[in-house]
Structures are given as C-alpha cells and as structure tokens.
Amino acid sequence: VHGNQAIMEAAVEAAGDVGILAVTVLTSLDRGDLDDLGFQCSVEE
C-alpha cells in the first residue's frame, strides 16, 4: 500500500493472511524528486 494512516489501517484490517507492506520512498526517487513533489523534509525523515 502507498498512502496515509487511514489507507494503511484499512488494508491491514482487510488483509487476513496477507502481509501488508507500506511503501516508504520509492528507490527511483531522490532529494530532487521530493522537492518536485513538495516534500519539505529529507528522504531519511
């Protein structure tokens, strides 16, 4: 899943025997891409 808290919680509630993995930051993105997307924090944060 790739979303906010409510999306992750809904996925977990529905998952049953499936393990839910939350996407953090895609490995195709770097600091410049986060700037382009409007994030005001580092990749690590």
ModelCIF file with pLDDT and N, C-alpha, C, O atoms, coordinates in Angstrom:
data_MODEL
#
_entry.id   MODEL 
#
_entity.id                         1 
_entity.type                       polymer 
_entity.pdbx_number_of_molecules   1 
#
_entity_poly.entity_id                      1 
_entity_poly.type                           'polypeptide(L)' 
_entity_poly.nstd_linkage                   no 
_entity_poly.nstd_monomer                   no 
_entity_poly.pdbx_seq_one_letter_code       VHGNQAIMEAAVEAAGDVGILAVTVLTSLDRGDLDDLGFQCSVEE 
_entity_poly.pdbx_seq_one_letter_code_can   VHGNQAIMEAAVEAAGDVGILAVTVLTSLDRGDLDDLGFQCSVEE 
_entity_poly.pdbx_strand_id                 A 
#
loop_
_entity_poly_seq.entity_id 
_entity_poly_seq.num 
_entity_poly_seq.mon_id 
_entity_poly_seq.hetero 
1 1  VAL n 
1 2  HIS n 
1 3  GLY n 
1 4  ASN n 
1 5  GLN n 
1 6  ALA n 
1 7  ILE n 
1 8  MET n 
1 9  GLU n 
1 10 ALA n 
1 11 ALA n 
1 12 VAL n 
1 13 GLU n 
1 14 ALA n 
1 15 ALA n 
1 16 GLY n 
1 17 ASP n 
1 18 VAL n 
1 19 GLY n 
1 20 ILE n 
1 21 LEU n 
1 22 ALA n 
1 23 VAL n 
1 24 THR n 
1 25 VAL n 
1 26 LEU n 
1 27 THR n 
1 28 SER n 
1 29 LEU n 
1 30 ASP n 
1 31 ARG n 
1 32 GLY n 
1 33 ASP n 
1 34 LEU n 
1 35 ASP n 
1 36 ASP n 
1 37 LEU n 
1 38 GLY n 
1 39 PHE n 
1 40 GLN n 
1 41 CYS n 
1 42 SER n 
1 43 VAL n 
1 44 GLU n 
1 45 GLU n 
#
_struct_asym.id          A 
_struct_asym.entity_id   1 
#
loop_
_ma_qa_metric.id 
_ma_qa_metric.mode 
_ma_qa_metric.name 
_ma_qa_metric.software_group_id 
_ma_qa_metric.type 
1 global pLDDT . pLDDT 
2 local  pLDDT . pLDDT 
#
_ma_qa_metric_global.metric_id      1 
_ma_qa_metric_global.metric_value   77.33 
_ma_qa_metric_global.model_id       1 
_ma_qa_metric_global.ordinal_id     1 
#
loop_
_ma_qa_metric_local.label_asym_id 
_ma_qa_metric_local.label_comp_id 
_ma_qa_metric_local.label_seq_id 
_ma_qa_metric_local.metric_id 
_ma_qa_metric_local.metric_value 
_ma_qa_metric_local.model_id 
_ma_qa_metric_local.ordinal_id 
A VAL 1  2 94.00 1 1  
A HIS 2  2 88.00 1 2  
A GLY 3  2 85.00 1 3  
A ASN 4  2 89.00 1 4  
A GLN 5  2 93.00 1 5  
A ALA 6  2 95.00 1 6  
A ILE 7  2 95.00 1 7  
A MET 8  2 95.00 1 8  
A GLU 9  2 97.00 1 9  
A ALA 10 2 98.00 1 10 
A ALA 11 2 98.00 1 11 
A VAL 12 2 98.00 1 12 
A GLU 13 2 98.00 1 13 
A ALA 14 2 98.00 1 14 
A ALA 15 2 97.00 1 15 
A GLY 16 2 97.00 1 16 
A ASP 17 2 97.00 1 17 
A VAL 18 2 98.00 1 18 
A GLY 19 2 97.00 1 19 
A ILE 20 2 97.00 1 20 
A LEU 21 2 97.00 1 21 
A ALA 22 2 93.00 1 22 
A VAL 23 2 90.00 1 23 
A THR 24 2 84.00 1 24 
A VAL 25 2 63.00 1 25 
A LEU 26 2 55.00 1 26 
A THR 27 2 54.00 1 27 
A SER 28 2 52.00 1 28 
A LEU 29 2 50.00 1 29 
A ASP 30 2 52.00 1 30 
A ARG 31 2 50.00 1 31 
A GLY 32 2 57.00 1 32 
A ASP 33 2 52.00 1 33 
A LEU 34 2 50.00 1 34 
A ASP 35 2 52.00 1 35 
A ASP 36 2 57.00 1 36 
A LEU 37 2 51.00 1 37 
A GLY 38 2 55.00 1 38 
A PHE 39 2 57.00 1 39 
A GLN 40 2 53.00 1 40 
A CYS 41 2 60.00 1 41 
A SER 42 2 69.00 1 42 
A VAL 43 2 68.00 1 43 
A GLU 44 2 77.00 1 44 
A GLU 45 2 78.00 1 45 
#
loop_
_atom_site.group_PDB 
_atom_site.id 
_atom_site.type_symbol 
_atom_site.label_atom_id 
_atom_site.label_alt_id 
_atom_site.label_comp_id 
_atom_site.label_asym_id 
_atom_site.label_entity_id 
_atom_site.label_seq_id 
_atom_site.pdbx_PDB_ins_code 
_atom_site.Cartn_x 
_atom_site.Cartn_y 
_atom_site.Cartn_z 
_atom_site.occupancy 
_atom_site.B_iso_or_equiv 
_atom_site.pdbx_formal_charge 
_atom_site.auth_seq_id 
_atom_site.auth_comp_id 
_atom_site.auth_asym_id 
_atom_site.auth_atom_id 
_atom_site.pdbx_PDB_model_num 
ATOM 1   N N  . VAL A 1 1  ? 0.860  -1.183  0.000  1.00 94.00 ? 1  VAL A N  1 
ATOM 2   C CA . VAL A 1 1  ? 0.000  0.000   0.000  1.00 94.00 ? 1  VAL A CA 1 
ATOM 3   C C  . VAL A 1 1  ? 0.893  1.229   0.000  1.00 94.00 ? 1  VAL A C  1 
ATOM 4   O O  . VAL A 1 1  ? 2.036  1.183   0.455  1.00 94.00 ? 1  VAL A O  1 
ATOM 5   N N  . HIS A 1 2  ? 0.361  2.319   -0.512 1.00 88.00 ? 2  HIS A N  1 
ATOM 6   C CA . HIS A 1 2  ? 1.152  3.539   -0.653 1.00 88.00 ? 2  HIS A CA 1 
ATOM 7   C C  . HIS A 1 2  ? 0.243  4.712   -0.305 1.00 88.00 ? 2  HIS A C  1 
ATOM 8   O O  . HIS A 1 2  ? -0.282 5.384   -1.192 1.00 88.00 ? 2  HIS A O  1 
ATOM 9   N N  . GLY A 1 3  ? 0.062  4.951   0.986  1.00 85.00 ? 3  GLY A N  1 
ATOM 10  C CA . GLY A 1 3  ? -0.876 6.005   1.348  1.00 85.00 ? 3  GLY A CA 1 
ATOM 11  C C  . GLY A 1 3  ? -0.766 6.425   2.793  1.00 85.00 ? 3  GLY A C  1 
ATOM 12  O O  . GLY A 1 3  ? 0.231  6.151   3.461  1.00 85.00 ? 3  GLY A O  1 
ATOM 13  N N  . ASN A 1 4  ? -1.807 7.096   3.273  1.00 89.00 ? 4  ASN A N  1 
ATOM 14  C CA . ASN A 1 4  ? -1.787 7.664   4.619  1.00 89.00 ? 4  ASN A CA 1 
ATOM 15  C C  . ASN A 1 4  ? -2.212 6.630   5.666  1.00 89.00 ? 4  ASN A C  1 
ATOM 16  O O  . ASN A 1 4  ? -2.415 5.455   5.360  1.00 89.00 ? 4  ASN A O  1 
ATOM 17  N N  . GLN A 1 5  ? -2.341 7.100   6.902  1.00 93.00 ? 5  GLN A N  1 
ATOM 18  C CA . GLN A 1 5  ? -2.642 6.196   8.014  1.00 93.00 ? 5  GLN A CA 1 
ATOM 19  C C  . GLN A 1 5  ? -3.961 5.453   7.814  1.00 93.00 ? 5  GLN A C  1 
ATOM 20  O O  . GLN A 1 5  ? -4.041 4.250   8.061  1.00 93.00 ? 5  GLN A O  1 
ATOM 21  N N  . ALA A 1 6  ? -4.970 6.150   7.377  1.00 95.00 ? 6  ALA A N  1 
ATOM 22  C CA . ALA A 1 6  ? -6.275 5.518   7.192  1.00 95.00 ? 6  ALA A CA 1 
ATOM 23  C C  . ALA A 1 6  ? -6.223 4.436   6.119  1.00 95.00 ? 6  ALA A C  1 
ATOM 24  O O  . ALA A 1 6  ? -6.859 3.392   6.264  1.00 95.00 ? 6  ALA A O  1 
ATOM 25  N N  . ILE A 1 7  ? -5.482 4.669   5.056  1.00 95.00 ? 7  ILE A N  1 
ATOM 26  C CA . ILE A 1 7  ? -5.348 3.672   3.990  1.00 95.00 ? 7  ILE A CA 1 
ATOM 27  C C  . ILE A 1 7  ? -4.628 2.439   4.517  1.00 95.00 ? 7  ILE A C  1 
ATOM 28  O O  . ILE A 1 7  ? -5.056 1.313   4.264  1.00 95.00 ? 7  ILE A O  1 
ATOM 29  N N  . MET A 1 8  ? -3.531 2.646   5.251  1.00 95.00 ? 8  MET A N  1 
ATOM 30  C CA . MET A 1 8  ? -2.793 1.502   5.795  1.00 95.00 ? 8  MET A CA 1 
ATOM 31  C C  . MET A 1 8  ? -3.646 0.717   6.782  1.00 95.00 ? 8  MET A C  1 
ATOM 32  O O  . MET A 1 8  ? -3.650 -0.514  6.753  1.00 95.00 ? 8  MET A O  1 
ATOM 33  N N  . GLU A 1 9  ? -4.357 1.404   7.641  1.00 97.00 ? 9  GLU A N  1 
ATOM 34  C CA . GLU A 1 9  ? -5.198 0.716   8.625  1.00 97.00 ? 9  GLU A CA 1 
ATOM 35  C C  . GLU A 1 9  ? -6.304 -0.088  7.941  1.00 97.00 ? 9  GLU A C  1 
ATOM 36  O O  . GLU A 1 9  ? -6.610 -1.204  8.361  1.00 97.00 ? 9  GLU A O  1 
ATOM 37  N N  . ALA A 1 10 ? -6.895 0.468   6.906  1.00 98.00 ? 10 ALA A N  1 
ATOM 38  C CA . ALA A 1 10 ? -7.942 -0.250  6.177  1.00 98.00 ? 10 ALA A CA 1 
ATOM 39  C C  . ALA A 1 10 ? -7.377 -1.493  5.504  1.00 98.00 ? 10 ALA A C  1 
ATOM 40  O O  . ALA A 1 10 ? -8.019 -2.543  5.498  1.00 98.00 ? 10 ALA A O  1 
ATOM 41  N N  . ALA A 1 11 ? -6.180 -1.381  4.937  1.00 98.00 ? 11 ALA A N  1 
ATOM 42  C CA . ALA A 1 11 ? -5.543 -2.522  4.290  1.00 98.00 ? 11 ALA A CA 1 
ATOM 43  C C  . ALA A 1 11 ? -5.243 -3.623  5.300  1.00 98.00 ? 11 ALA A C  1 
ATOM 44  O O  . ALA A 1 11 ? -5.489 -4.798  5.029  1.00 98.00 ? 11 ALA A O  1 
ATOM 45  N N  . VAL A 1 12 ? -4.718 -3.254  6.448  1.00 98.00 ? 12 VAL A N  1 
ATOM 46  C CA . VAL A 1 12 ? -4.405 -4.239  7.492  1.00 98.00 ? 12 VAL A CA 1 
ATOM 47  C C  . VAL A 1 12 ? -5.676 -4.927  7.977  1.00 98.00 ? 12 VAL A C  1 
ATOM 48  O O  . VAL A 1 12 ? -5.696 -6.142  8.170  1.00 98.00 ? 12 VAL A O  1 
ATOM 49  N N  . GLU A 1 13 ? -6.722 -4.157  8.171  1.00 98.00 ? 13 GLU A N  1 
ATOM 50  C CA . GLU A 1 13 ? -7.997 -4.718  8.639  1.00 98.00 ? 13 GLU A CA 1 
ATOM 51  C C  . GLU A 1 13 ? -8.546 -5.747  7.652  1.00 98.00 ? 13 GLU A C  1 
ATOM 52  O O  . GLU A 1 13 ? -9.164 -6.734  8.052  1.00 98.00 ? 13 GLU A O  1 
ATOM 53  N N  . ALA A 1 14 ? -8.317 -5.511  6.371  1.00 98.00 ? 14 ALA A N  1 
ATOM 54  C CA . ALA A 1 14 ? -8.866 -6.391  5.336  1.00 98.00 ? 14 ALA A CA 1 
ATOM 55  C C  . ALA A 1 14 ? -7.927 -7.527  4.946  1.00 98.00 ? 14 ALA A C  1 
ATOM 56  O O  . ALA A 1 14 ? -8.318 -8.402  4.173  1.00 98.00 ? 14 ALA A O  1 
ATOM 57  N N  . ALA A 1 15 ? -6.701 -7.537  5.459  1.00 97.00 ? 15 ALA A N  1 
ATOM 58  C CA . ALA A 1 15 ? -5.639 -8.364  4.894  1.00 97.00 ? 15 ALA A CA 1 
ATOM 59  C C  . ALA A 1 15 ? -5.782 -9.858  5.137  1.00 97.00 ? 15 ALA A C  1 
ATOM 60  O O  . ALA A 1 15 ? -5.372 -10.652 4.290  1.00 97.00 ? 15 ALA A O  1 
ATOM 61  N N  . GLY A 1 16 ? -6.349 -10.266 6.261  1.00 97.00 ? 16 GLY A N  1 
ATOM 62  C CA . GLY A 1 16 ? -6.406 -11.690 6.551  1.00 97.00 ? 16 GLY A CA 1 
ATOM 63  C C  . GLY A 1 16 ? -5.024 -12.295 6.612  1.00 97.00 ? 16 GLY A C  1 
ATOM 64  O O  . GLY A 1 16 ? -4.214 -11.903 7.453  1.00 97.00 ? 16 GLY A O  1 
ATOM 65  N N  . ASP A 1 17 ? -4.733 -13.254 5.728  1.00 97.00 ? 17 ASP A N  1 
ATOM 66  C CA . ASP A 1 17 ? -3.446 -13.953 5.741  1.00 97.00 ? 17 ASP A CA 1 
ATOM 67  C C  . ASP A 1 17 ? -2.371 -13.265 4.916  1.00 97.00 ? 17 ASP A C  1 
ATOM 68  O O  . ASP A 1 17 ? -1.285 -13.821 4.754  1.00 97.00 ? 17 ASP A O  1 
ATOM 69  N N  . VAL A 1 18 ? -2.635 -12.076 4.389  1.00 98.00 ? 18 VAL A N  1 
ATOM 70  C CA . VAL A 1 18 ? -1.684 -11.352 3.549  1.00 98.00 ? 18 VAL A CA 1 
ATOM 71  C C  . VAL A 1 18 ? -0.914 -10.329 4.387  1.00 98.00 ? 18 VAL A C  1 
ATOM 72  O O  . VAL A 1 18 ? -1.520 -9.562  5.135  1.00 98.00 ? 18 VAL A O  1 
ATOM 73  N N  . GLY A 1 19 ? 0.397  -10.313 4.270  1.00 97.00 ? 19 GLY A N  1 
ATOM 74  C CA . GLY A 1 19 ? 1.199  -9.319  4.969  1.00 97.00 ? 19 GLY A CA 1 
ATOM 75  C C  . GLY A 1 19 ? 1.193  -7.996  4.215  1.00 97.00 ? 19 GLY A C  1 
ATOM 76  O O  . GLY A 1 19 ? 1.505  -7.954  3.025  1.00 97.00 ? 19 GLY A O  1 
ATOM 77  N N  . ILE A 1 20 ? 0.840  -6.920  4.902  1.00 97.00 ? 20 ILE A N  1 
ATOM 78  C CA . ILE A 1 20 ? 0.808  -5.591  4.275  1.00 97.00 ? 20 ILE A CA 1 
ATOM 79  C C  . ILE A 1 20 ? 2.159  -4.915  4.438  1.00 97.00 ? 20 ILE A C  1 
ATOM 80  O O  . ILE A 1 20 ? 2.677  -4.783  5.547  1.00 97.00 ? 20 ILE A O  1 
ATOM 81  N N  . LEU A 1 21 ? 2.719  -4.491  3.315  1.00 97.00 ? 21 LEU A N  1 
ATOM 82  C CA . LEU A 1 21 ? 3.951  -3.711  3.306  1.00 97.00 ? 21 LEU A CA 1 
ATOM 83  C C  . LEU A 1 21 ? 3.626  -2.278  2.907  1.00 97.00 ? 21 LEU A C  1 
ATOM 84  O O  . LEU A 1 21 ? 2.975  -2.041  1.889  1.00 97.00 ? 21 LEU A O  1 
ATOM 85  N N  . ALA A 1 22 ? 4.075  -1.337  3.704  1.00 93.00 ? 22 ALA A N  1 
ATOM 86  C CA . ALA A 1 22 ? 3.880  0.075   3.377  1.00 93.00 ? 22 ALA A CA 1 
ATOM 87  C C  . ALA A 1 22 ? 5.089  0.589   2.603  1.00 93.00 ? 22 ALA A C  1 
ATOM 88  O O  . ALA A 1 22 ? 6.231  0.384   3.014  1.00 93.00 ? 22 ALA A O  1 
ATOM 89  N N  . VAL A 1 23 ? 4.836  1.248   1.499  1.00 90.00 ? 23 VAL A N  1 
ATOM 90  C CA . VAL A 1 23 ? 5.918  1.855   0.732  1.00 90.00 ? 23 VAL A CA 1 
ATOM 91  C C  . VAL A 1 23 ? 6.379  3.113   1.472  1.00 90.00 ? 23 VAL A C  1 
ATOM 92  O O  . VAL A 1 23 ? 5.556  3.937   1.870  1.00 90.00 ? 23 VAL A O  1 
ATOM 93  N N  . THR A 1 24 ? 7.678  3.257   1.653  1.00 84.00 ? 24 THR A N  1 
ATOM 94  C CA . THR A 1 24 ? 8.207  4.460   2.304  1.00 84.00 ? 24 THR A CA 1 
ATOM 95  C C  . THR A 1 24 ? 8.514  5.501   1.220  1.00 84.00 ? 24 THR A C  1 
ATOM 96  O O  . THR A 1 24 ? 7.688  6.370   0.940  1.00 84.00 ? 24 THR A O  1 
ATOM 97  N N  . VAL A 1 25 ? 9.702  5.411   0.612  1.00 63.00 ? 25 VAL A N  1 
ATOM 98  C CA . VAL A 1 25 ? 10.061 6.291   -0.506 1.00 63.00 ? 25 VAL A CA 1 
ATOM 99  C C  . VAL A 1 25 ? 10.609 5.407   -1.611 1.00 63.00 ? 25 VAL A C  1 
ATOM 100 O O  . VAL A 1 25 ? 11.540 4.635   -1.381 1.00 63.00 ? 25 VAL A O  1 
ATOM 101 N N  . LEU A 1 26 ? 10.046 5.509   -2.803 1.00 55.00 ? 26 LEU A N  1 
ATOM 102 C CA . LEU A 1 26 ? 10.486 4.678   -3.923 1.00 55.00 ? 26 LEU A CA 1 
ATOM 103 C C  . LEU A 1 26 ? 11.983 4.857   -4.170 1.00 55.00 ? 26 LEU A C  1 
ATOM 104 O O  . LEU A 1 26 ? 12.512 5.962   -4.052 1.00 55.00 ? 26 LEU A O  1 
ATOM 105 N N  . THR A 1 27 ? 12.662 3.755   -4.513 1.00 54.00 ? 27 THR A N  1 
ATOM 106 C CA . THR A 1 27 ? 14.105 3.840   -4.756 1.00 54.00 ? 27 THR A CA 1 
ATOM 107 C C  . THR A 1 27 ? 14.431 4.582   -6.052 1.00 54.00 ? 27 THR A C  1 
ATOM 108 O O  . THR A 1 27 ? 15.597 4.868   -6.325 1.00 54.00 ? 27 THR A O  1 
ATOM 109 N N  . SER A 1 28 ? 13.421 4.890   -6.841 1.00 52.00 ? 28 SER A N  1 
ATOM 110 C CA . SER A 1 28 ? 13.632 5.692   -8.051 1.00 52.00 ? 28 SER A CA 1 
ATOM 111 C C  . SER A 1 28 ? 13.596 7.194   -7.759 1.00 52.00 ? 28 SER A C  1 
ATOM 112 O O  . SER A 1 28 ? 13.788 8.007   -8.663 1.00 52.00 ? 28 SER A O  1 
ATOM 113 N N  . LEU A 1 29 ? 13.350 7.563   -6.492 1.00 50.00 ? 29 LEU A N  1 
ATOM 114 C CA . LEU A 1 29 ? 13.266 8.976   -6.111 1.00 50.00 ? 29 LEU A CA 1 
ATOM 115 C C  . LEU A 1 29 ? 14.484 9.388   -5.289 1.00 50.00 ? 29 LEU A C  1 
ATOM 116 O O  . LEU A 1 29 ? 15.016 8.603   -4.504 1.00 50.00 ? 29 LEU A O  1 
ATOM 117 N N  . ASP A 1 30 ? 14.915 10.632  -5.486 1.00 52.00 ? 30 ASP A N  1 
ATOM 118 C CA . ASP A 1 30 ? 15.980 11.193  -4.650 1.00 52.00 ? 30 ASP A CA 1 
ATOM 119 C C  . ASP A 1 30 ? 15.523 12.540  -4.098 1.00 52.00 ? 30 ASP A C  1 
ATOM 120 O O  . ASP A 1 30 ? 14.356 12.909  -4.228 1.00 52.00 ? 30 ASP A O  1 
ATOM 121 N N  . ARG A 1 31 ? 16.447 13.266  -3.483 1.00 50.00 ? 31 ARG A N  1 
ATOM 122 C CA . ARG A 1 31 ? 16.100 14.536  -2.845 1.00 50.00 ? 31 ARG A CA 1 
ATOM 123 C C  . ARG A 1 31 ? 15.458 15.508  -3.830 1.00 50.00 ? 31 ARG A C  1 
ATOM 124 O O  . ARG A 1 31 ? 14.501 16.197  -3.478 1.00 50.00 ? 31 ARG A O  1 
ATOM 125 N N  . GLY A 1 32 ? 15.963 15.573  -5.042 1.00 57.00 ? 32 GLY A N  1 
ATOM 126 C CA . GLY A 1 32 ? 15.388 16.470  -6.033 1.00 57.00 ? 32 GLY A CA 1 
ATOM 127 C C  . GLY A 1 32 ? 13.951 16.106  -6.380 1.00 57.00 ? 32 GLY A C  1 
ATOM 128 O O  . GLY A 1 32 ? 13.118 16.987  -6.594 1.00 57.00 ? 32 GLY A O  1 
ATOM 129 N N  . ASP A 1 33 ? 13.663 14.821  -6.437 1.00 52.00 ? 33 ASP A N  1 
ATOM 130 C CA . ASP A 1 33 ? 12.292 14.389  -6.723 1.00 52.00 ? 33 ASP A CA 1 
ATOM 131 C C  . ASP A 1 33 ? 11.348 14.759  -5.588 1.00 52.00 ? 33 ASP A C  1 
ATOM 132 O O  . ASP A 1 33 ? 10.208 15.154  -5.835 1.00 52.00 ? 33 ASP A O  1 
ATOM 133 N N  . LEU A 1 34 ? 11.813 14.634  -4.337 1.00 50.00 ? 34 LEU A N  1 
ATOM 134 C CA . LEU A 1 34 ? 10.972 15.031  -3.207 1.00 50.00 ? 34 LEU A CA 1 
ATOM 135 C C  . LEU A 1 34 ? 10.675 16.527  -3.247 1.00 50.00 ? 34 LEU A C  1 
ATOM 136 O O  . LEU A 1 34 ? 9.562  16.950  -2.934 1.00 50.00 ? 34 LEU A O  1 
ATOM 137 N N  . ASP A 1 35 ? 11.665 17.326  -3.629 1.00 52.00 ? 35 ASP A N  1 
ATOM 138 C CA . ASP A 1 35 ? 11.422 18.767  -3.796 1.00 52.00 ? 35 ASP A CA 1 
ATOM 139 C C  . ASP A 1 35 ? 10.337 19.001  -4.840 1.00 52.00 ? 35 ASP A C  1 
ATOM 140 O O  . ASP A 1 35 ? 9.446  19.829  -4.654 1.00 52.00 ? 35 ASP A O  1 
ATOM 141 N N  . ASP A 1 36 ? 10.429 18.258  -5.940 1.00 57.00 ? 36 ASP A N  1 
ATOM 142 C CA . ASP A 1 36 ? 9.466  18.404  -7.022 1.00 57.00 ? 36 ASP A CA 1 
ATOM 143 C C  . ASP A 1 36 ? 8.061  18.029  -6.572 1.00 57.00 ? 36 ASP A C  1 
ATOM 144 O O  . ASP A 1 36 ? 7.073  18.590  -7.047 1.00 57.00 ? 36 ASP A O  1 
ATOM 145 N N  . LEU A 1 37 ? 7.982  17.057  -5.636 1.00 51.00 ? 37 LEU A N  1 
ATOM 146 C CA . LEU A 1 37 ? 6.685  16.609  -5.126 1.00 51.00 ? 37 LEU A CA 1 
ATOM 147 C C  . LEU A 1 37 ? 6.167  17.468  -3.978 1.00 51.00 ? 37 LEU A C  1 
ATOM 148 O O  . LEU A 1 37 ? 5.039  17.278  -3.521 1.00 51.00 ? 37 LEU A O  1 
ATOM 149 N N  . GLY A 1 38 ? 6.982  18.409  -3.511 1.00 55.00 ? 38 GLY A N  1 
ATOM 150 C CA . GLY A 1 38 ? 6.530  19.327  -2.474 1.00 55.00 ? 38 GLY A CA 1 
ATOM 151 C C  . GLY A 1 38 ? 6.831  18.893  -1.053 1.00 55.00 ? 38 GLY A C  1 
ATOM 152 O O  . GLY A 1 38 ? 6.290  19.475  -0.113 1.00 55.00 ? 38 GLY A O  1 
ATOM 153 N N  . PHE A 1 39 ? 7.692  17.870  -0.860 1.00 57.00 ? 39 PHE A N  1 
ATOM 154 C CA . PHE A 1 39 ? 8.050  17.443  0.493  1.00 57.00 ? 39 PHE A CA 1 
ATOM 155 C C  . PHE A 1 39 ? 9.148  18.341  1.051  1.00 57.00 ? 39 PHE A C  1 
ATOM 156 O O  . PHE A 1 39 ? 10.166 18.579  0.401  1.00 57.00 ? 39 PHE A O  1 
ATOM 157 N N  . GLN A 1 40 ? 8.925  18.828  2.252  1.00 53.00 ? 40 GLN A N  1 
ATOM 158 C CA . GLN A 1 40 ? 9.884  19.728  2.891  1.00 53.00 ? 40 GLN A CA 1 
ATOM 159 C C  . GLN A 1 40 ? 10.696 18.990  3.956  1.00 53.00 ? 40 GLN A C  1 
ATOM 160 O O  . GLN A 1 40 ? 10.877 19.492  5.065  1.00 53.00 ? 40 GLN A O  1 
ATOM 161 N N  . CYS A 1 41 ? 11.175 17.814  3.617  1.00 60.00 ? 41 CYS A N  1 
ATOM 162 C CA . CYS A 1 41 ? 11.977 17.044  4.560  1.00 60.00 ? 41 CYS A CA 1 
ATOM 163 C C  . CYS A 1 41 ? 12.957 16.192  3.774  1.00 60.00 ? 41 CYS A C  1 
ATOM 164 O O  . CYS A 1 41 ? 12.853 16.081  2.552  1.00 60.00 ? 41 CYS A O  1 
ATOM 165 N N  . SER A 1 42 ? 13.905 15.593  4.473  1.00 69.00 ? 42 SER A N  1 
ATOM 166 C CA . SER A 1 42 ? 14.872 14.742  3.800  1.00 69.00 ? 42 SER A CA 1 
ATOM 167 C C  . SER A 1 42 ? 14.256 13.382  3.492  1.00 69.00 ? 42 SER A C  1 
ATOM 168 O O  . SER A 1 42 ? 13.210 13.027  4.035  1.00 69.00 ? 42 SER A O  1 
ATOM 169 N N  . VAL A 1 43 ? 14.910 12.628  2.621  1.00 68.00 ? 43 VAL A N  1 
ATOM 170 C CA . VAL A 1 43 ? 14.474 11.266  2.329  1.00 68.00 ? 43 VAL A CA 1 
ATOM 171 C C  . VAL A 1 43 ? 14.426 10.453  3.611  1.00 68.00 ? 43 VAL A C  1 
ATOM 172 O O  . VAL A 1 43 ? 13.461 9.730   3.859  1.00 68.00 ? 43 VAL A O  1 
ATOM 173 N N  . GLU A 1 44 ? 15.472 10.571  4.428  1.00 77.00 ? 44 GLU A N  1 
ATOM 174 C CA . GLU A 1 44 ? 15.553 9.792   5.661  1.00 77.00 ? 44 GLU A CA 1 
ATOM 175 C C  . GLU A 1 44 ? 14.406 10.117  6.616  1.00 77.00 ? 44 GLU A C  1 
ATOM 176 O O  . GLU A 1 44 ? 13.824 9.215   7.219  1.00 77.00 ? 44 GLU A O  1 
ATOM 177 N N  . GLU A 1 45 ? 14.087 11.384  6.753  1.00 78.00 ? 45 GLU A N  1 
ATOM 178 C CA . GLU A 1 45 ? 12.993 11.784  7.643  1.00 78.00 ? 45 GLU A CA 1 
ATOM 179 C C  . GLU A 1 45 ? 11.653 11.235  7.153  1.00 78.00 ? 45 GLU A C  1 
ATOM 180 O O  . GLU A 1 45 ? 10.622 11.473  7.781  1.00 78.00 ? 45 GLU A O  1 
#
